[in-house]
Amino acid sequence: MTISIDRPAIPGADDLATGRPAAGTPYAYRPLVPRIVGVGTSATPTSYTQREVLDTFRITDPKIRGVFLNSAIDRRHLTLPPEDPDGVRLSEPQGDLLDKHKALAIEMGAEALRACLKRAGAELSDLRHLCCVTSTGFLTPGLSALLIRELGIDRHCSRSDIVGMGCNAGLNALGVVSGWATAHPGELAVVLCAEACSAAYAMDSTMRTAVVNSLFGDGAGAIALTAEAETADDAAADGTDAAPEGPGVLKFASCIIPEALDAMRYDWDRDQGRFSFFLDPQIPYVVGAHAELTVDRLLQGTGLRRSDIKHWLVHSGGKKVIDAVIVNLGLTRHDLRHTVGVLRDYGNVSSGSFLFSYERLLDEQITAPGDYGVLMTMGPGSTIETALVRW
């Protein structure tokens, strides 16, 4: 038996390019658009210049020193291993690194979460979903559970943890939590990226680890979302919708590059008896070559061109990654000024990097209603994640 159901027509379908209902759309049919309502960041207390890191670990090889000193990074926040009586930094066993990851992730995560909620005008008691992202250590029952206990968050707050996806994972989480926010109108959700990169180092003087060791720093970023139902008061006198504060999240697009699956990986170093991160020196060019493909897919069907995008917030993956994105997308260094500035001041803070850039954009106070923005992250897979937002 076939059952036919007549569904009512929806007058004035919502406009994908604006993320808002077309004129004349009845209130009952107006879609919910998740909106970013707050952001906050944090880093560990101590930062080092690249030269200080080299000198601390007594690295004298001119090629390796060149990698550090030509990285476009001025300082990074790091929690270095202790010194022995001779002033030599000790290699930390994997168990100690896991303890470091747990302690730093809780400390930075709590600070970033509080800063995010303050900017959103919210309290810990308002939080209904907490999604934690990390790739620099493994925790069970997860960072989300540890923070709920640490901060006294309501035990009924739902939670999720995204572990091991790498630098791209912040946008993976944003996509998932945007769906949660839409399914729970009016309730507050937060994505928290906490990366204790100091707990993922294999510090030695080999060229294999030089690229990684010259790049990453400790940092955490949090971003708050809510999907509010519109009311009659949201309609402007001219029949258009009033623009709510904070950008709406309109669309996501992803691209995985399977042939570069091993170009970025976090695996077991048998020589050192610990995990270590490997980064192929050619990865910036691989990512750059696929950036245009991913952004074009993101904008497909929206009626938008790249020239319509006012704000670009790209993962601070490294100098060559940033240069490759600029060249392949036809952007300027001004377009990626926040990305460049975050790399200079913090290094690559993995999954939270784009949130540091977003915070800097907000601090400029230059966004205006109607502005479009593209968020972009890159990581192991190799993977590119993008999101389209509109203020």
Protein backbone atom coordinates (compact mmCIF):
# COMPACT_ATOMS: atom_id res chain seq x y z
CA MET A 1 0.00 0.00 0.00
CA THR A 2 1.27 3.46 -0.90
CA ILE A 3 0.28 6.32 1.34
CA SER A 4 0.29 9.76 -0.19
CA ILE A 5 0.60 12.78 2.08
CA ASP A 6 -0.21 16.23 0.79
CA ARG A 7 2.28 18.66 2.25
CA PRO A 8 1.42 22.36 2.37
CA ALA A 9 3.40 24.55 0.04
CA ILE A 10 5.89 26.86 1.66
CA PRO A 11 5.53 30.31 0.12
CA GLY A 12 8.80 32.15 -0.41
CA ALA A 13 11.54 29.57 0.16
CA ASP A 14 14.48 30.84 2.17
CA ASP A 15 17.33 32.39 0.24
CA LEU A 16 20.52 30.31 0.61
CA ALA A 17 22.72 33.29 -0.13
CA THR A 18 21.30 35.27 2.80
CA GLY A 19 20.32 32.49 5.17
CA ARG A 20 17.08 34.37 5.81
CA PRO A 21 13.52 33.86 4.54
CA ALA A 22 12.43 35.54 1.35
CA ALA A 23 9.96 38.40 1.63
CA GLY A 24 6.46 37.19 2.34
CA THR A 25 7.46 33.92 4.01
CA PRO A 26 4.98 33.22 6.86
CA TYR A 27 6.49 33.10 10.35
CA ALA A 28 5.50 29.44 10.76
CA TYR A 29 7.82 28.43 7.92
CA ARG A 30 10.84 30.58 8.76
CA PRO A 31 13.92 28.39 9.13
CA LEU A 32 16.20 28.52 12.12
CA VAL A 33 19.74 29.65 11.34
CA PRO A 34 22.41 28.87 13.96
CA ARG A 35 24.27 32.03 14.92
CA ILE A 36 27.67 32.62 16.43
CA VAL A 37 27.11 34.66 19.57
CA GLY A 38 30.46 34.54 21.35
CA VAL A 39 34.13 33.61 21.11
CA GLY A 40 36.98 33.34 23.59
CA THR A 41 40.61 32.20 23.53
CA SER A 42 43.34 31.24 25.95
CA ALA A 43 46.98 30.16 25.96
CA THR A 44 49.46 28.81 28.47
CA PRO A 45 51.30 31.42 30.59
CA THR A 46 54.81 31.29 29.11
CA SER A 47 55.78 32.16 25.55
CA TYR A 48 59.13 31.77 23.80
CA THR A 49 60.74 33.25 20.73
CA GLN A 50 61.94 30.79 18.10
CA ARG A 51 65.54 31.55 19.01
CA GLU A 52 64.83 30.86 22.67
CA VAL A 53 63.40 27.45 21.81
CA LEU A 54 66.46 26.59 19.72
CA ASP A 55 68.84 27.70 22.43
CA THR A 56 66.87 25.93 25.16
CA PHE A 57 67.20 22.61 23.35
CA ARG A 58 70.77 23.40 22.25
CA ILE A 59 70.03 22.89 18.58
CA THR A 60 72.96 24.10 16.49
CA ASP A 61 72.36 22.54 13.07
CA PRO A 62 72.12 25.55 10.70
CA LYS A 63 69.48 23.88 8.50
CA ILE A 64 67.20 23.20 11.45
CA ARG A 65 67.77 26.67 12.88
CA GLY A 66 66.84 28.05 9.47
CA VAL A 67 63.49 26.21 9.58
CA PHE A 68 62.69 27.80 12.94
CA LEU A 69 63.89 31.29 12.16
CA ASN A 70 62.16 31.54 8.77
CA SER A 71 58.76 30.36 9.98
CA ALA A 72 57.08 33.82 10.21
CA ILE A 73 56.53 33.05 13.92
CA ASP A 74 57.78 35.52 16.53
CA ARG A 75 56.55 33.77 19.68
CA ARG A 76 54.69 30.64 20.78
CA HIS A 77 53.14 29.62 24.08
CA LEU A 78 54.77 26.37 25.24
CA THR A 79 55.13 24.31 28.38
CA LEU A 80 58.62 22.87 28.05
CA PRO A 81 59.95 19.78 29.87
CA PRO A 82 61.92 20.23 33.09
CA GLU A 83 65.69 20.65 33.19
CA ASP A 84 68.17 18.21 34.67
CA PRO A 85 70.93 19.46 37.03
CA ASP A 86 73.06 20.40 34.02
CA GLY A 87 70.29 22.56 32.53
CA VAL A 88 69.40 20.06 29.80
CA ARG A 89 65.69 19.66 29.03
CA LEU A 90 64.61 16.12 29.81
CA SER A 91 62.69 13.95 27.35
CA GLU A 92 59.24 13.28 28.80
CA PRO A 93 57.76 9.76 28.71
CA GLN A 94 54.36 9.32 27.12
CA GLY A 95 52.61 8.99 30.48
CA ASP A 96 53.91 12.39 31.60
CA LEU A 97 52.85 13.92 28.30
CA LEU A 98 49.31 12.60 28.75
CA ASP A 99 49.24 14.14 32.23
CA LYS A 100 50.47 17.43 30.75
CA HIS A 101 47.79 17.32 28.06
CA LYS A 102 45.06 16.75 30.64
CA ALA A 103 46.21 19.56 32.94
CA LEU A 104 46.77 22.13 30.17
CA ALA A 105 43.57 21.26 28.29
CA ILE A 106 41.49 21.77 31.42
CA GLU A 107 43.29 24.99 32.36
CA MET A 108 43.20 26.60 28.90
CA GLY A 109 39.78 25.17 28.08
CA ALA A 110 38.16 26.57 31.21
CA GLU A 111 39.63 30.03 30.56
CA ALA A 112 38.56 30.08 26.90
CA LEU A 113 35.07 28.84 27.79
CA ARG A 114 34.57 31.55 30.41
CA ALA A 115 35.80 34.23 28.00
CA CYS A 116 33.46 32.96 25.30
CA LEU A 117 30.42 32.95 27.58
CA LYS A 118 31.26 36.44 28.84
CA ARG A 119 31.34 37.75 25.27
CA ALA A 120 28.02 36.01 24.59
CA GLY A 121 26.47 37.59 27.69
CA ALA A 122 25.85 34.14 29.12
CA GLU A 123 26.67 32.16 32.25
CA LEU A 124 27.88 28.61 32.78
CA SER A 125 24.34 27.78 33.90
CA ASP A 126 23.06 28.70 30.42
CA LEU A 127 25.17 26.05 28.69
CA ARG A 128 23.18 23.15 27.24
CA HIS A 129 25.72 21.39 24.99
CA LEU A 130 29.51 21.29 25.21
CA CYS A 131 31.56 19.84 22.36
CA CYS A 132 35.30 19.51 23.02
CA VAL A 133 37.91 19.09 20.29
CA THR A 134 41.49 17.92 20.77
CA SER A 135 44.19 16.00 18.92
CA THR A 136 47.15 16.43 21.27
CA GLY A 137 46.21 13.75 23.79
CA PHE A 138 43.63 11.11 24.61
CA LEU A 139 41.19 11.33 27.51
CA THR A 140 38.38 9.07 28.64
CA PRO A 141 35.62 9.96 29.60
CA GLY A 142 36.70 13.01 27.62
CA LEU A 143 37.61 16.65 28.13
CA SER A 144 33.93 17.64 28.13
CA ALA A 145 33.24 15.52 31.22
CA LEU A 146 36.33 16.82 33.00
CA LEU A 147 35.32 20.44 32.37
CA ILE A 148 31.74 19.83 33.52
CA ARG A 149 33.15 18.57 36.83
CA GLU A 150 35.88 21.23 37.05
CA LEU A 151 33.54 24.17 36.43
CA GLY A 152 30.42 22.85 38.10
CA ILE A 153 28.42 22.88 34.86
CA ASP A 154 24.91 21.38 35.09
CA ARG A 155 25.19 17.59 35.05
CA HIS A 156 22.36 17.50 32.51
CA CYS A 157 24.39 19.46 29.94
CA SER A 158 24.78 17.21 26.91
CA ARG A 159 28.29 16.75 25.58
CA SER A 160 30.39 15.39 22.74
CA ASP A 161 34.10 14.97 22.11
CA ILE A 162 35.89 15.03 18.75
CA VAL A 163 39.33 13.46 19.14
CA GLY A 164 42.15 12.90 16.68
CA MET A 165 40.87 14.72 13.59
CA GLY A 166 43.63 17.32 13.74
CA CYS A 167 43.78 20.99 12.81
CA ASN A 168 40.64 20.88 10.67
CA ALA A 169 38.46 19.52 13.50
CA GLY A 170 37.17 22.86 14.78
CA LEU A 171 34.99 23.27 11.70
CA ASN A 172 33.93 19.61 11.80
CA ALA A 173 32.68 20.30 15.32
CA LEU A 174 31.04 23.57 14.29
CA GLY A 175 29.04 21.67 11.65
CA VAL A 176 27.84 19.06 14.13
CA VAL A 177 26.98 21.59 16.84
CA SER A 178 25.20 23.86 14.34
CA GLY A 179 22.87 20.92 13.73
CA TRP A 180 22.40 20.47 17.49
CA ALA A 181 21.58 24.16 17.94
CA THR A 182 19.03 24.07 15.13
CA ALA A 183 17.36 21.04 16.73
CA HIS A 184 17.25 22.82 20.11
CA PRO A 185 16.00 26.37 19.42
CA GLY A 186 17.05 28.98 21.92
CA GLU A 187 19.53 26.72 23.74
CA LEU A 188 23.20 27.59 24.02
CA ALA A 189 25.93 25.31 22.65
CA VAL A 190 29.71 25.77 22.72
CA VAL A 191 32.50 24.25 20.65
CA LEU A 192 35.77 24.24 22.62
CA CYS A 193 39.09 23.45 20.91
CA ALA A 194 41.87 22.80 23.43
CA GLU A 195 45.27 21.85 22.04
CA ALA A 196 48.23 21.30 24.38
CA CYS A 197 50.75 20.99 21.58
CA SER A 198 53.56 20.91 24.15
CA ALA A 199 52.28 17.44 25.02
CA ALA A 200 52.67 16.22 21.43
CA TYR A 201 56.33 17.04 20.79
CA ALA A 202 59.17 14.66 20.13
CA MET A 203 61.94 17.15 20.78
CA ASP A 204 65.18 16.20 19.07
CA SER A 205 67.58 17.68 16.56
CA THR A 206 66.46 15.74 13.48
CA MET A 207 65.09 17.35 10.33
CA ARG A 208 62.06 15.01 10.48
CA THR A 209 60.75 16.75 13.58
CA ALA A 210 62.09 20.23 12.79
CA VAL A 211 59.06 21.37 10.77
CA VAL A 212 56.65 20.28 13.49
CA ASN A 213 58.74 21.55 16.39
CA SER A 214 59.13 24.96 14.76
CA LEU A 215 55.41 25.41 14.23
CA PHE A 216 52.98 24.43 16.98
CA GLY A 217 51.99 26.21 20.19
CA ASP A 218 49.56 25.73 23.07
CA GLY A 219 46.14 27.34 22.79
CA ALA A 220 42.39 26.95 23.26
CA GLY A 221 39.45 28.63 21.56
CA ALA A 222 35.72 28.46 22.22
CA ILE A 223 32.78 29.56 20.08
CA ALA A 224 29.13 29.80 21.20
CA LEU A 225 26.09 29.08 19.03
CA THR A 226 22.36 29.42 19.35
CA ALA A 227 19.44 29.18 16.92
CA GLU A 228 16.75 31.57 18.02
CA ALA A 229 13.20 31.40 16.70
CA GLU A 230 12.15 34.67 15.09
CA THR A 231 9.29 36.71 16.46
CA ALA A 232 7.11 39.36 14.92
CA ASP A 233 9.39 42.01 16.45
CA ASP A 234 12.25 40.77 14.23
CA ALA A 235 10.60 42.13 11.09
CA ALA A 236 11.69 45.59 10.00
CA ALA A 237 9.17 48.20 8.94
CA ASP A 238 10.10 47.83 5.29
CA GLY A 239 9.18 44.15 5.29
CA THR A 240 12.72 42.81 5.51
CA ASP A 241 14.13 40.98 8.51
CA ALA A 242 16.17 42.79 11.13
CA ALA A 243 19.73 41.47 11.24
CA PRO A 244 20.40 39.63 14.53
CA GLU A 245 23.74 40.16 16.22
CA GLY A 246 26.42 37.63 15.27
CA PRO A 247 26.87 35.89 11.91
CA GLY A 248 24.54 33.13 10.82
CA VAL A 249 26.15 29.84 9.77
CA LEU A 250 24.76 29.13 6.30
CA LYS A 251 26.64 26.24 4.76
CA PHE A 252 29.61 23.86 5.01
CA ALA A 253 31.80 22.17 2.40
CA SER A 254 34.55 19.58 2.85
CA CYS A 255 37.27 18.02 0.75
CA ILE A 256 39.46 15.06 1.69
CA ILE A 257 42.55 14.31 -0.37
CA PRO A 258 43.06 10.54 0.02
CA GLU A 259 46.29 10.46 -1.97
CA ALA A 260 47.79 12.68 0.76
CA LEU A 261 46.48 10.58 3.62
CA ASP A 262 49.93 10.06 5.14
CA ALA A 263 51.21 13.61 4.59
CA MET A 264 50.01 14.73 8.04
CA ARG A 265 49.81 12.12 10.74
CA TYR A 266 50.18 11.55 14.46
CA ASP A 267 51.59 8.10 15.08
CA TRP A 268 53.88 6.06 17.30
CA ASP A 269 57.59 6.82 17.22
CA ARG A 270 59.16 3.48 18.07
CA ASP A 271 62.61 4.97 18.55
CA GLN A 272 61.40 7.38 21.24
CA GLY A 273 58.60 5.20 22.63
CA ARG A 274 55.98 7.90 22.25
CA PHE A 275 53.61 9.51 19.81
CA SER A 276 54.92 12.14 17.43
CA PHE A 277 53.49 14.25 14.65
CA PHE A 278 54.75 14.04 11.07
CA LEU A 279 54.23 16.82 8.55
CA ASP A 280 55.31 16.39 4.94
CA PRO A 281 57.13 19.53 3.72
CA GLN A 282 55.08 19.37 0.49
CA ILE A 283 51.71 19.59 2.25
CA PRO A 284 51.28 23.38 1.78
CA TYR A 285 51.21 22.90 -1.97
CA VAL A 286 48.77 19.99 -1.74
CA VAL A 287 46.41 22.04 0.42
CA GLY A 288 46.77 25.11 -1.78
CA ALA A 289 45.96 23.15 -4.91
CA HIS A 290 42.63 22.01 -3.41
CA ALA A 291 41.59 25.25 -1.70
CA GLU A 292 39.92 26.68 -4.81
CA LEU A 293 37.97 23.46 -5.40
CA THR A 294 36.59 23.47 -1.86
CA VAL A 295 35.66 27.15 -1.75
CA ASP A 296 33.94 26.94 -5.15
CA ARG A 297 31.89 24.01 -3.84
CA LEU A 298 31.01 26.02 -0.73
CA LEU A 299 29.71 28.93 -2.83
CA GLN A 300 27.94 26.74 -5.39
CA GLY A 301 24.23 27.46 -5.48
CA THR A 302 24.49 30.63 -3.38
CA GLY A 303 24.87 33.11 -6.21
CA LEU A 304 28.02 34.38 -4.52
CA ARG A 305 31.49 34.83 -5.99
CA ARG A 306 34.76 34.89 -4.11
CA SER A 307 34.86 38.65 -4.57
CA ASP A 308 31.63 38.88 -2.54
CA ILE A 309 33.38 37.48 0.55
CA LYS A 310 34.37 40.34 2.87
CA HIS A 311 36.09 38.35 5.62
CA TRP A 312 38.44 35.35 5.30
CA LEU A 313 39.35 33.44 8.47
CA VAL A 314 41.84 30.72 7.62
CA HIS A 315 43.70 28.24 9.82
CA SER A 316 47.20 29.45 10.72
CA GLY A 317 48.80 26.29 9.35
CA GLY A 318 52.16 27.83 8.56
CA LYS A 319 53.77 30.45 6.34
CA LYS A 320 53.80 28.28 3.22
CA VAL A 321 50.22 27.14 3.80
CA ILE A 322 49.04 30.74 4.08
CA ASP A 323 50.98 31.75 0.95
CA ALA A 324 49.53 28.80 -0.99
CA VAL A 325 45.95 29.75 -0.01
CA ILE A 326 46.55 33.39 -0.97
CA VAL A 327 47.89 32.43 -4.40
CA ASN A 328 45.28 29.78 -5.22
CA LEU A 329 42.27 31.84 -4.09
CA GLY A 330 43.52 35.14 -5.49
CA LEU A 331 43.54 36.81 -2.06
CA THR A 332 45.81 39.44 -0.52
CA ARG A 333 47.83 39.35 2.68
CA HIS A 334 45.40 41.95 4.01
CA ASP A 335 42.57 39.46 3.45
CA LEU A 336 44.42 37.00 5.68
CA ARG A 337 45.87 39.55 8.12
CA HIS A 338 44.25 37.85 11.12
CA THR A 339 45.63 34.46 10.09
CA VAL A 340 49.10 35.93 9.59
CA GLY A 341 48.92 37.73 12.94
CA VAL A 342 47.86 34.61 14.84
CA LEU A 343 50.71 32.61 13.30
CA ARG A 344 53.17 35.37 14.26
CA ASP A 345 52.00 35.63 17.88
CA TYR A 346 50.97 32.04 18.70
CA GLY A 347 52.23 29.72 15.99
CA ASN A 348 49.89 26.98 14.84
CA VAL A 349 47.49 26.22 17.71
CA SER A 350 45.89 23.39 15.74
CA SER A 351 42.08 23.12 15.76
CA GLY A 352 41.54 26.43 17.58
CA SER A 353 43.59 28.61 15.24
CA PHE A 354 40.65 29.95 13.23
CA LEU A 355 38.91 31.02 16.45
CA PHE A 356 41.90 33.20 17.37
CA SER A 357 41.51 34.84 13.94
CA TYR A 358 37.76 35.26 14.39
CA GLU A 359 38.31 36.95 17.75
CA ARG A 360 40.72 39.41 16.14
CA LEU A 361 38.19 40.21 13.44
CA LEU A 362 35.54 40.99 16.05
CA ASP A 363 37.98 43.17 17.97
CA GLU A 364 38.42 45.29 14.84
CA GLN A 365 34.68 46.09 14.94
CA ILE A 366 34.48 46.39 11.17
CA THR A 367 31.83 43.76 10.34
CA ALA A 368 28.51 45.06 9.06
CA PRO A 369 25.09 43.48 8.48
CA GLY A 370 25.12 41.71 5.15
CA ASP A 371 28.85 40.92 5.19
CA TYR A 372 29.81 37.39 4.15
CA GLY A 373 32.70 35.44 5.62
CA VAL A 374 34.45 32.17 4.85
CA LEU A 375 36.05 30.05 7.56
CA MET A 376 38.67 27.52 6.43
CA THR A 377 40.64 24.88 8.29
CA MET A 378 43.07 22.23 7.05
CA GLY A 379 44.43 19.08 8.63
CA PRO A 380 45.26 15.36 8.40
CA GLY A 381 43.53 13.38 5.72
CA SER A 382 44.58 15.61 4.07
CA THR A 383 41.39 17.57 4.67
CA ILE A 384 40.03 21.04 3.96
CA GLU A 385 36.90 22.22 5.80
CA THR A 386 35.01 25.41 5.02
CA ALA A 387 31.97 27.30 6.31
CA LEU A 388 30.01 30.24 4.91
CA VAL A 389 28.68 32.80 7.38
CA ARG A 390 26.72 36.03 7.04
CA TRP A 391 26.38 38.94 9.45
